[in-house]
Amino acid sequence: MIFITRAKRTNLYYLLVISSFLLFFSHAHQLCAQTNCSCMKSLDNLILKVKTEYPGFEVKTRDSIFYQMLVRELQEKSNSTASENCLQILKLYIAFFKDGHMSISSKHASNKTGIVNPGRKINITMKQFRRKISVSKDPMEGVWNSDGYKVGILKQENDYQAFIIAADTSWWKPFEVKFVIHSNDSVTYYRRDHSEMACTLLHVNSFVFQIRGINAIYTREVPEPGLPAEELKKIITELDSSVYTTSLSEKTMLIRISSFGYENVGRIKQMIQKNSGNLSTHPNLIIDLRDNPGGSSEAHFPLHPLIYTNPFREITVEFLSSPTMIGSYRDYLKNNATSVSKEEAEEVNRFIQRLEQNPGSFLKTDENSGTVELEKADTVYANPAHVVVLVNKYCASAAEEFIFLSKQSKKVKVMGTPTLGALDYGAIPAREFDFGCPEYHLDMPTFRSLRLPDYPIDNIGIQPDIYLDTTVRDWVTYAKNYLEN
């Protein structure tokens, strides 16, 4: 299959991808000569940088009363906060914008992030625990192993408490609760500093499960699995891989992609090519994107032929002209002077000139392009004839971009729960912004979608065609039965 209109995207658009990995060499050199900022200066510099260079600032601060109240409160706190304790204040400011592509972190391990919860312990002895699991018929109760951790899982009321039996780290002590599995298969996971993280549980069978969000795989040790070692190893290998495919039956294939990260661009393409025969003979396909946080749009391009029925309408984006954008392009040309062709250099320089002439304005990389680009194919494959795309609240960014296209196909049903909602603003990937305080690392988007303001997705998510409620525990089996029956 040959997609003929995707090439309409300019070379400059793809140069953005390359230049994203080569940013700020000269800026980094300049920062090294600077001293650390006071907390008040850090906050003031951050506010100014976000105000002038974040593409969503104007839209997200329209309710100016709440924004100004937050700013005043944080400024008062910053006045009496030592610089080594300032990160939490800066994070609260960034959190106001609720943008998955914005983040700030410390470049120094000593910088504090806030109060850490002490480890919570379960009240039981190992003798009592072993006695209980010896008679339990609950498949989750028992001793489970993962890399670095051995935990005991015990049901208390409606939740399963997983407590440490042994750990290869000093961060955890016996009987401290490592995670809690709730009745709806959501998981409260405790990081090594004992702060909470929300995850989800993937049931494979009564001997293997995966905590999605951290991708930890647990296998049951007691009672013994009663499963051939080779079969257990195969299950673990598939779960541990971010990209894999398998045949579920004579009718249905499964593709699992947990990330569209740049490292998976080649893997996904190779997987589709290697399994083209099976994909063409199976009428049904499940594409499992649960917990896929996004990455590169190039990673999901090999999937397009599998879902194509009619031209995809791709909404274009526009970039905010800012000193960071201009500086990144100049750095790109400087650091790649010997490898960039004359035509590419001229194209970049033309865009730099447009950026400089329009500070604070939104510009397309190609000033002659429209709001919508059509992606056409010369063939519609007979198989797969029916496709289910599984999604959940942890799907974001490039994953949502693929879901958005999938919903335009006549052969696709999107199944699961609403996605995260991180597609209105973005970068390729998120870029570091220098705001004058070298001890911090600030990432922000550089563009906004031309869907706005008519069709916002951030913090709303993309709605599935078929909602899966909490009583559906095995989503893959449910999707398979839906397709085959």
Protein backbone atom coordinates (compact mmCIF):
# COMPACT_ATOMS: atom_id res chain seq x y z
CA MET A 1 0.00 0.00 0.00
CA ILE A 2 1.29 3.46 -0.86
CA PHE A 3 0.06 6.45 1.05
CA ILE A 4 0.28 9.34 -1.37
CA THR A 5 -0.73 12.50 0.47
CA ARG A 6 1.19 12.11 3.72
CA ALA A 7 4.22 13.42 1.81
CA LYS A 8 2.50 16.81 1.74
CA ARG A 9 3.97 17.38 5.18
CA THR A 10 7.02 19.53 4.61
CA ASN A 11 10.58 18.42 5.21
CA LEU A 12 10.72 21.12 7.85
CA TYR A 13 8.04 19.31 9.84
CA TYR A 14 10.26 16.24 10.05
CA LEU A 15 13.33 18.32 10.78
CA LEU A 16 11.51 19.29 13.96
CA VAL A 17 11.71 15.67 15.06
CA ILE A 18 15.45 15.52 14.46
CA SER A 19 16.26 18.90 15.92
CA SER A 20 14.33 18.04 19.09
CA PHE A 21 17.12 15.67 20.10
CA LEU A 22 19.86 18.22 19.41
CA LEU A 23 18.64 21.20 21.41
CA PHE A 24 20.36 23.74 23.53
CA PHE A 25 24.03 22.83 23.28
CA SER A 26 25.00 26.48 23.31
CA HIS A 27 22.33 27.30 25.90
CA ALA A 28 23.60 24.57 28.21
CA HIS A 29 27.11 26.03 28.03
CA GLN A 30 25.78 29.45 29.01
CA LEU A 31 23.76 28.05 31.90
CA CYS A 32 26.78 26.42 33.50
CA ALA A 33 28.24 29.85 34.20
CA GLN A 34 25.13 31.00 36.09
CA THR A 35 24.44 30.63 39.78
CA ASN A 36 21.36 29.07 41.32
CA CYS A 37 18.27 31.25 41.74
CA SER A 38 16.44 32.10 44.93
CA CYS A 39 12.99 30.55 45.17
CA MET A 40 11.28 33.88 44.50
CA LYS A 41 13.43 34.49 41.43
CA SER A 42 12.86 30.93 40.20
CA LEU A 43 9.10 31.37 40.41
CA ASP A 44 9.10 34.82 38.80
CA ASN A 45 11.30 33.61 35.95
CA LEU A 46 9.13 30.54 35.44
CA ILE A 47 5.92 32.61 35.34
CA LEU A 48 7.41 34.94 32.73
CA LYS A 49 8.67 32.07 30.57
CA VAL A 50 5.31 30.28 30.63
CA LYS A 51 3.42 33.51 29.96
CA THR A 52 5.50 34.35 26.89
CA GLU A 53 6.30 30.93 25.41
CA TYR A 54 3.61 28.40 26.38
CA PRO A 55 1.14 28.01 23.47
CA GLY A 56 -1.82 27.42 25.79
CA PHE A 57 -1.26 30.26 28.23
CA GLU A 58 -3.91 32.66 26.92
CA VAL A 59 -6.63 29.99 26.75
CA LYS A 60 -5.88 28.40 30.10
CA THR A 61 -5.70 31.67 32.06
CA ARG A 62 -8.96 33.16 30.82
CA ASP A 63 -10.38 32.65 34.27
CA SER A 64 -7.82 35.16 35.49
CA ILE A 65 -9.17 35.41 39.04
CA PHE A 66 -8.18 31.85 39.95
CA TYR A 67 -4.86 32.18 38.12
CA GLN A 68 -3.94 35.42 39.88
CA MET A 69 -4.96 33.98 43.24
CA LEU A 70 -2.62 31.02 42.68
CA VAL A 71 0.24 33.27 41.57
CA ARG A 72 -0.11 35.53 44.63
CA GLU A 73 -0.25 32.55 46.98
CA LEU A 74 2.83 30.93 45.47
CA GLN A 75 4.76 34.21 45.42
CA GLU A 76 4.10 34.67 49.13
CA LYS A 77 5.32 31.13 49.83
CA SER A 78 8.39 31.54 47.62
CA ASN A 79 9.45 34.61 49.60
CA SER A 80 10.04 32.48 52.69
CA THR A 81 11.10 29.21 51.03
CA ALA A 82 14.72 28.16 50.69
CA SER A 83 15.87 27.38 47.17
CA GLU A 84 16.49 23.71 47.99
CA ASN A 85 12.80 23.36 48.94
CA CYS A 86 11.41 25.35 46.03
CA LEU A 87 10.62 22.61 43.52
CA GLN A 88 7.23 21.82 45.04
CA ILE A 89 6.13 25.46 44.59
CA LEU A 90 7.22 25.44 40.95
CA LYS A 91 5.39 22.16 40.38
CA LEU A 92 2.19 23.63 41.81
CA TYR A 93 2.42 26.47 39.30
CA ILE A 94 2.97 24.07 36.37
CA ALA A 95 0.14 21.83 37.61
CA PHE A 96 -2.34 24.70 37.15
CA PHE A 97 -2.16 24.26 33.36
CA LYS A 98 -3.03 20.54 33.46
CA ASP A 99 -0.90 19.80 30.42
CA GLY A 100 0.70 16.39 30.09
CA HIS A 101 3.48 17.89 27.98
CA MET A 102 4.56 20.36 30.70
CA SER A 103 6.88 19.40 33.52
CA ILE A 104 9.57 20.80 35.74
CA SER A 105 12.19 18.86 37.66
CA SER A 106 15.40 19.43 39.54
CA LYS A 107 18.80 18.75 38.04
CA HIS A 108 20.13 18.18 41.54
CA ALA A 109 19.20 15.08 43.51
CA SER A 110 19.28 17.06 46.75
CA ASN A 111 16.33 19.23 45.74
CA LYS A 112 13.32 18.20 47.80
CA THR A 113 9.99 17.39 46.20
CA GLY A 114 7.72 17.53 49.23
CA ILE A 115 6.74 15.43 52.21
CA VAL A 116 7.21 11.69 51.76
CA ASN A 117 4.68 9.33 53.29
CA PRO A 118 6.12 6.83 55.75
CA GLY A 119 5.76 3.18 54.80
CA ARG A 120 2.40 1.69 55.80
CA LYS A 121 2.62 -1.80 57.33
CA ILE A 122 0.19 -4.69 57.29
CA ASN A 123 -0.67 -6.26 60.62
CA ILE A 124 0.08 -9.95 60.16
CA THR A 125 2.89 -12.43 60.82
CA MET A 126 4.36 -14.69 58.13
CA LYS A 127 3.07 -17.72 60.04
CA GLN A 128 -0.48 -16.32 60.01
CA PHE A 129 -0.16 -15.36 56.34
CA ARG A 130 1.08 -18.79 55.21
CA ARG A 131 -1.65 -20.49 57.20
CA LYS A 132 -4.28 -18.33 55.50
CA ILE A 133 -3.07 -18.83 51.92
CA SER A 134 -2.72 -22.58 52.46
CA VAL A 135 -6.52 -22.84 52.65
CA SER A 136 -7.47 -19.86 50.45
CA LYS A 137 -9.21 -20.47 47.13
CA ASP A 138 -8.75 -16.87 46.01
CA PRO A 139 -6.35 -16.95 43.01
CA MET A 140 -4.83 -13.59 43.98
CA GLU A 141 -3.88 -14.54 47.53
CA GLY A 142 -0.40 -15.96 47.83
CA VAL A 143 3.29 -15.19 47.37
CA TRP A 144 4.24 -13.35 44.17
CA ASN A 145 7.59 -12.48 42.61
CA SER A 146 8.78 -9.60 40.45
CA ASP A 147 12.23 -8.22 39.66
CA GLY A 148 13.65 -7.16 43.00
CA TYR A 149 10.51 -7.81 45.05
CA LYS A 150 8.78 -10.74 46.70
CA VAL A 151 5.34 -9.78 48.02
CA GLY A 152 2.53 -11.43 49.86
CA ILE A 153 -0.96 -10.61 48.61
CA LEU A 154 -3.84 -10.78 51.04
CA LYS A 155 -7.46 -9.74 50.58
CA GLN A 156 -8.79 -7.31 53.17
CA GLU A 157 -12.38 -6.18 52.71
CA ASN A 158 -12.66 -5.33 49.00
CA ASP A 159 -8.97 -4.69 48.31
CA TYR A 160 -5.86 -6.82 47.92
CA GLN A 161 -2.90 -5.65 50.00
CA ALA A 162 0.53 -6.52 48.61
CA PHE A 163 3.17 -6.35 51.33
CA ILE A 164 6.92 -6.78 51.16
CA ILE A 165 8.34 -10.18 52.07
CA ALA A 166 11.78 -9.48 50.63
CA ALA A 167 13.32 -6.67 48.56
CA ASP A 168 16.75 -6.08 47.07
CA THR A 169 16.71 -2.44 48.16
CA SER A 170 17.02 -0.63 51.47
CA TRP A 171 14.00 1.52 50.60
CA TRP A 172 11.61 -1.23 51.68
CA LYS A 173 11.22 -3.27 54.85
CA PRO A 174 9.22 -6.47 55.46
CA PHE A 175 5.44 -6.08 55.86
CA GLU A 176 5.37 -2.58 54.32
CA VAL A 177 2.58 -2.28 51.73
CA LYS A 178 4.03 -2.04 48.21
CA PHE A 179 0.73 -1.71 46.35
CA VAL A 180 -3.02 -2.10 46.78
CA ILE A 181 -5.26 -3.68 44.12
CA HIS A 182 -8.77 -2.26 44.23
CA SER A 183 -12.00 -3.94 43.16
CA ASN A 184 -12.12 -2.12 39.81
CA ASP A 185 -8.56 -3.28 38.96
CA SER A 186 -7.09 0.12 39.66
CA VAL A 187 -3.85 -0.02 41.63
CA THR A 188 -2.39 2.32 44.21
CA TYR A 189 1.34 1.74 43.80
CA TYR A 190 3.93 3.09 46.24
CA ARG A 191 7.20 4.33 44.79
CA ARG A 192 10.47 3.80 46.62
CA ASP A 193 9.93 7.07 48.54
CA HIS A 194 6.47 5.71 49.46
CA SER A 195 4.61 8.36 47.49
CA GLU A 196 1.48 7.16 45.66
CA MET A 197 1.13 6.42 41.95
CA ALA A 198 -2.09 5.44 40.18
CA CYS A 199 -1.80 2.37 37.93
CA THR A 200 -4.01 -0.35 36.48
CA LEU A 201 -3.94 -4.14 36.69
CA LEU A 202 -3.82 -6.47 33.70
CA HIS A 203 -4.97 -10.00 34.52
CA VAL A 204 -3.35 -12.59 32.30
CA ASN A 205 -4.33 -15.70 34.24
CA SER A 206 -4.27 -16.87 37.84
CA PHE A 207 -0.46 -17.11 37.79
CA VAL A 208 0.66 -13.89 36.06
CA PHE A 209 -0.41 -10.28 36.22
CA GLN A 210 1.05 -6.94 35.17
CA ILE A 211 0.82 -3.56 36.85
CA ARG A 212 0.48 -1.14 33.99
CA GLY A 213 1.96 2.28 34.44
CA ILE A 214 5.19 0.84 35.82
CA ASN A 215 5.05 -2.35 33.70
CA ALA A 216 5.90 -4.60 36.65
CA ILE A 217 5.16 -8.27 36.01
CA TYR A 218 4.36 -10.57 38.94
CA THR A 219 4.29 -14.37 38.83
CA ARG A 220 2.83 -16.53 41.57
CA GLU A 221 5.26 -18.59 43.65
CA VAL A 222 2.88 -19.96 46.29
CA PRO A 223 0.72 -21.82 45.46
CA GLU A 224 2.88 -23.05 42.59
CA PRO A 225 1.69 -22.02 39.12
CA GLY A 226 1.16 -25.51 37.69
CA LEU A 227 2.00 -24.05 34.30
CA PRO A 228 4.75 -25.31 31.95
CA ALA A 229 7.87 -23.18 32.34
CA GLU A 230 8.05 -22.48 28.59
CA GLU A 231 4.46 -21.23 28.49
CA LEU A 232 5.02 -19.02 31.52
CA LYS A 233 8.21 -17.64 29.96
CA LYS A 234 6.35 -16.87 26.72
CA ILE A 235 3.65 -14.95 28.60
CA ILE A 236 6.24 -12.93 30.52
CA THR A 237 8.22 -12.17 27.36
CA GLU A 238 5.13 -10.87 25.60
CA LEU A 239 4.12 -8.74 28.58
CA ASP A 240 7.64 -7.41 28.99
CA SER A 241 7.83 -6.37 25.36
CA SER A 242 6.41 -2.97 24.48
CA VAL A 243 5.55 -4.28 21.01
CA TYR A 244 4.29 -7.76 20.12
CA THR A 245 1.62 -9.61 18.19
CA THR A 246 -0.01 -13.00 18.58
CA SER A 247 -2.86 -15.07 17.17
CA LEU A 248 -5.74 -15.46 19.61
CA SER A 249 -7.73 -17.80 17.35
CA GLU A 250 -8.23 -18.67 13.71
CA LYS A 251 -10.25 -15.47 13.36
CA THR A 252 -8.55 -12.93 15.61
CA MET A 253 -5.06 -11.42 15.85
CA LEU A 254 -3.79 -9.25 18.71
CA ILE A 255 -1.29 -6.40 18.43
CA ARG A 256 -0.03 -4.95 21.70
CA ILE A 257 1.80 -1.60 21.68
CA SER A 258 2.48 -0.02 25.07
CA SER A 259 4.42 2.94 23.68
CA PHE A 260 4.79 4.91 20.46
CA GLY A 261 8.20 6.05 21.66
CA TYR A 262 10.81 6.81 19.05
CA GLU A 263 12.64 3.59 19.95
CA ASN A 264 9.60 1.61 18.74
CA VAL A 265 9.32 3.19 15.28
CA GLY A 266 11.39 0.44 13.64
CA ARG A 267 10.04 -2.34 15.86
CA ILE A 268 6.41 -1.65 14.93
CA LYS A 269 7.24 -1.50 11.23
CA GLN A 270 9.16 -4.79 11.40
CA MET A 271 6.39 -6.45 13.41
CA ILE A 272 3.76 -5.54 10.80
CA GLN A 273 5.97 -6.72 7.94
CA LYS A 274 6.86 -9.99 9.67
CA ASN A 275 3.21 -10.80 10.44
CA SER A 276 1.66 -9.52 7.20
CA GLY A 277 0.62 -13.05 6.22
CA ASN A 278 -1.28 -13.72 9.44
CA LEU A 279 -2.83 -10.26 9.43
CA SER A 280 -4.14 -10.77 5.90
CA THR A 281 -5.77 -14.12 6.72
CA HIS A 282 -7.41 -13.14 10.03
CA PRO A 283 -10.68 -11.22 9.63
CA ASN A 284 -10.43 -9.68 13.11
CA LEU A 285 -7.76 -7.58 14.79
CA ILE A 286 -7.43 -6.19 18.31
CA ILE A 287 -4.97 -3.32 18.75
CA ASP A 288 -4.29 -3.00 22.47
CA LEU A 289 -3.06 0.53 23.26
CA ARG A 290 -3.85 0.58 26.97
CA ASP A 291 -1.38 2.67 29.00
CA ASN A 292 0.31 3.92 25.82
CA PRO A 293 1.57 7.43 26.75
CA GLY A 294 2.36 8.39 23.15
CA GLY A 295 5.67 9.31 21.60
CA SER A 296 6.23 9.78 17.87
CA SER A 297 3.47 9.94 15.27
CA GLU A 298 5.83 8.06 12.94
CA ALA A 299 5.51 5.01 15.21
CA HIS A 300 1.81 4.49 14.49
CA PHE A 301 2.05 5.14 10.73
CA PRO A 302 2.63 1.39 9.92
CA LEU A 303 -0.74 0.63 11.54
CA HIS A 304 -2.67 2.90 9.19
CA PRO A 305 -3.07 0.36 6.35
CA LEU A 306 -4.65 -2.09 8.80
CA ILE A 307 -7.49 0.28 9.67
CA TYR A 308 -7.85 2.25 6.43
CA THR A 309 -11.26 2.40 4.72
CA ASN A 310 -11.50 6.03 3.60
CA PRO A 311 -9.18 9.06 3.59
CA PHE A 312 -8.05 10.19 7.04
CA ARG A 313 -8.53 13.86 7.83
CA GLU A 314 -5.48 15.03 9.77
CA ILE A 315 -5.79 18.36 11.57
CA THR A 316 -2.59 20.39 11.26
CA VAL A 317 -0.79 22.37 13.96
CA GLU A 318 0.76 25.80 14.34
CA PHE A 319 3.87 26.79 16.29
CA LEU A 320 4.26 29.69 18.68
CA SER A 321 7.06 32.04 17.62
CA SER A 322 9.33 32.34 20.64
CA PRO A 323 13.03 32.82 21.44
CA THR A 324 13.26 29.12 22.28
CA MET A 325 11.90 28.05 18.88
CA ILE A 326 14.20 30.42 17.03
CA GLY A 327 17.21 29.41 19.12
CA SER A 328 16.56 25.70 18.61
CA TYR A 329 16.49 26.09 14.83
CA ARG A 330 19.66 28.15 14.84
CA ASP A 331 21.36 25.51 17.00
CA TYR A 332 20.17 22.81 14.62
CA LEU A 333 21.76 24.52 11.63
CA LYS A 334 24.95 25.26 13.56
CA ASN A 335 25.38 21.72 14.89
CA ASN A 336 24.51 20.05 11.59
CA ALA A 337 26.24 22.39 9.17
CA THR A 338 27.99 19.57 7.32
CA SER A 339 24.99 17.21 7.06
CA VAL A 340 22.08 19.52 6.25
CA SER A 341 21.45 19.95 2.52
CA LYS A 342 21.34 23.38 0.94
CA GLU A 343 17.60 23.04 0.32
CA GLU A 344 16.90 22.04 3.92
CA ALA A 345 19.02 24.90 5.27
CA GLU A 346 17.15 27.36 3.08
CA GLU A 347 13.82 25.99 4.29
CA VAL A 348 14.85 26.28 7.94
CA ASN A 349 16.18 29.79 7.42
CA ARG A 350 12.93 30.88 5.79
CA PHE A 351 10.99 29.60 8.79
CA ILE A 352 13.41 31.30 11.20
CA GLN A 353 12.84 34.55 9.33
CA ARG A 354 9.06 34.16 9.60
CA LEU A 355 9.38 33.41 13.32
CA GLU A 356 11.52 36.50 13.88
CA GLN A 357 9.12 38.70 11.94
CA ASN A 358 6.12 37.46 13.93
CA PRO A 359 7.10 37.24 17.63
CA GLY A 360 4.35 35.83 19.81
CA SER A 361 2.32 34.70 16.78
CA PHE A 362 1.26 31.20 15.73
CA LEU A 363 2.72 29.98 12.43
CA LYS A 364 2.53 26.84 10.33
CA THR A 365 5.78 25.39 9.06
CA ASP A 366 4.32 25.69 5.57
CA GLU A 367 2.45 28.97 5.23
CA ASN A 368 0.56 27.59 2.22
CA SER A 369 -0.82 24.50 3.98
CA GLY A 370 -4.44 24.24 5.07
CA THR A 371 -6.10 23.29 8.34
CA VAL A 372 -6.72 19.73 7.16
CA GLU A 373 -4.52 17.29 5.26
CA LEU A 374 -5.99 14.17 3.66
CA GLU A 375 -4.15 10.88 3.98
CA LYS A 376 -5.18 8.63 1.11
CA ALA A 377 -4.35 5.05 0.19
CA ASP A 378 -4.57 3.23 -3.12
CA THR A 379 -5.88 0.01 -1.51
CA VAL A 380 -8.36 -1.03 1.16
CA TYR A 381 -7.41 -4.42 2.56
CA ALA A 382 -10.11 -7.07 2.92
CA ASN A 383 -8.49 -8.27 6.15
CA PRO A 384 -8.57 -7.31 8.86
CA ALA A 385 -12.22 -6.59 8.17
CA HIS A 386 -13.09 -5.67 11.75
CA VAL A 387 -10.81 -3.94 14.24
CA VAL A 388 -11.14 -3.13 17.94
CA VAL A 389 -8.77 -0.57 19.45
CA LEU A 390 -8.53 -0.96 23.23
CA VAL A 391 -7.91 2.30 25.12
CA ASN A 392 -7.95 3.56 28.70
CA LYS A 393 -7.32 6.69 30.73
CA TYR A 394 -3.55 6.34 30.39
CA CYS A 395 -3.54 6.70 26.59
CA ALA A 396 -2.16 10.09 25.64
CA SER A 397 -0.51 12.28 23.01
CA ALA A 398 0.54 10.27 19.92
CA ALA A 399 -1.64 7.36 21.10
CA GLU A 400 -4.63 9.70 21.09
CA GLU A 401 -3.57 10.92 17.65
CA PHE A 402 -3.88 7.35 16.35
CA ILE A 403 -7.19 6.85 18.18
CA PHE A 404 -8.49 10.06 16.62
CA LEU A 405 -7.70 8.64 13.16
CA SER A 406 -9.09 5.21 14.07
CA LYS A 407 -12.51 6.66 14.81
CA GLN A 408 -12.69 7.84 11.19
CA SER A 409 -12.42 4.28 9.86
CA LYS A 410 -15.56 2.31 8.99
CA LYS A 411 -13.99 -0.94 10.21
CA VAL A 412 -12.88 0.24 13.66
CA LYS A 413 -14.57 0.31 17.04
CA VAL A 414 -12.72 2.04 19.88
CA MET A 415 -13.41 0.16 23.10
CA GLY A 416 -12.55 0.91 26.72
CA THR A 417 -12.66 4.13 28.75
CA PRO A 418 -11.98 7.79 27.87
CA THR A 419 -8.34 8.58 27.20
CA LEU A 420 -6.17 10.93 29.25
CA GLY A 421 -6.59 14.03 27.09
CA ALA A 422 -3.16 15.41 26.13
CA LEU A 423 -3.42 16.29 22.46
CA ASP A 424 -4.25 19.97 22.15
CA TYR A 425 -0.71 21.19 22.73
CA GLY A 426 2.50 19.34 22.07
CA ALA A 427 6.08 19.23 20.90
CA ILE A 428 8.19 16.81 18.91
CA PRO A 429 9.07 15.80 21.64
CA ALA A 430 8.62 18.16 24.60
CA ARG A 431 11.43 20.73 24.59
CA GLU A 432 13.59 22.06 27.36
CA PHE A 433 13.11 25.77 28.00
CA ASP A 434 15.80 27.93 29.60
CA PHE A 435 14.15 30.25 32.13
CA GLY A 436 17.36 31.52 33.70
CA CYS A 437 17.62 29.07 36.60
CA PRO A 438 20.03 26.30 35.56
CA GLU A 439 19.21 24.05 38.50
CA TYR A 440 15.82 23.20 36.95
CA HIS A 441 14.72 21.36 33.83
CA LEU A 442 11.54 22.77 32.21
CA ASP A 443 9.72 21.02 29.37
CA MET A 444 6.86 22.69 27.50
CA PRO A 445 4.89 22.27 24.27
CA THR A 446 5.70 24.39 21.22
CA PHE A 447 2.54 24.04 19.12
CA ARG A 448 -1.24 23.89 19.33
CA SER A 449 -3.74 21.92 17.27
CA LEU A 450 -5.98 23.71 14.81
CA ARG A 451 -8.87 21.68 16.25
CA LEU A 452 -8.99 24.43 18.86
CA PRO A 453 -11.16 26.00 20.08
CA ASP A 454 -13.94 23.90 18.50
CA TYR A 455 -12.84 20.43 19.59
CA PRO A 456 -10.71 20.41 22.77
CA ILE A 457 -9.37 17.08 24.01
CA ASP A 458 -6.99 18.05 26.84
CA ASN A 459 -8.27 16.87 30.24
CA ILE A 460 -11.41 15.56 28.52
CA GLY A 461 -10.04 12.66 26.51
CA ILE A 462 -11.34 10.84 23.48
CA GLN A 463 -14.53 8.95 24.20
CA PRO A 464 -14.67 5.25 23.24
CA ASP A 465 -17.36 3.93 20.91
CA ILE A 466 -18.02 1.13 23.40
CA TYR A 467 -17.49 1.81 27.10
CA LEU A 468 -16.13 -1.06 29.21
CA ASP A 469 -17.34 -0.81 32.79
CA THR A 470 -15.48 -2.09 35.84
CA THR A 471 -17.15 -5.52 35.71
CA VAL A 472 -15.21 -6.36 32.53
CA ARG A 473 -11.92 -7.68 33.86
CA ASP A 474 -10.40 -9.28 30.76
CA TRP A 475 -10.66 -6.67 28.01
CA VAL A 476 -8.90 -8.74 25.35
CA THR A 477 -11.27 -11.68 25.79
CA TYR A 478 -14.25 -9.33 25.77
CA ALA A 479 -13.05 -7.72 22.52
CA LYS A 480 -12.39 -11.14 20.99
CA ASN A 481 -15.89 -12.35 21.84
CA TYR A 482 -17.36 -9.11 20.51
CA LEU A 483 -15.60 -9.60 17.17
CA GLU A 484 -16.27 -13.32 16.80
CA ASN A 485 -19.87 -13.61 18.02
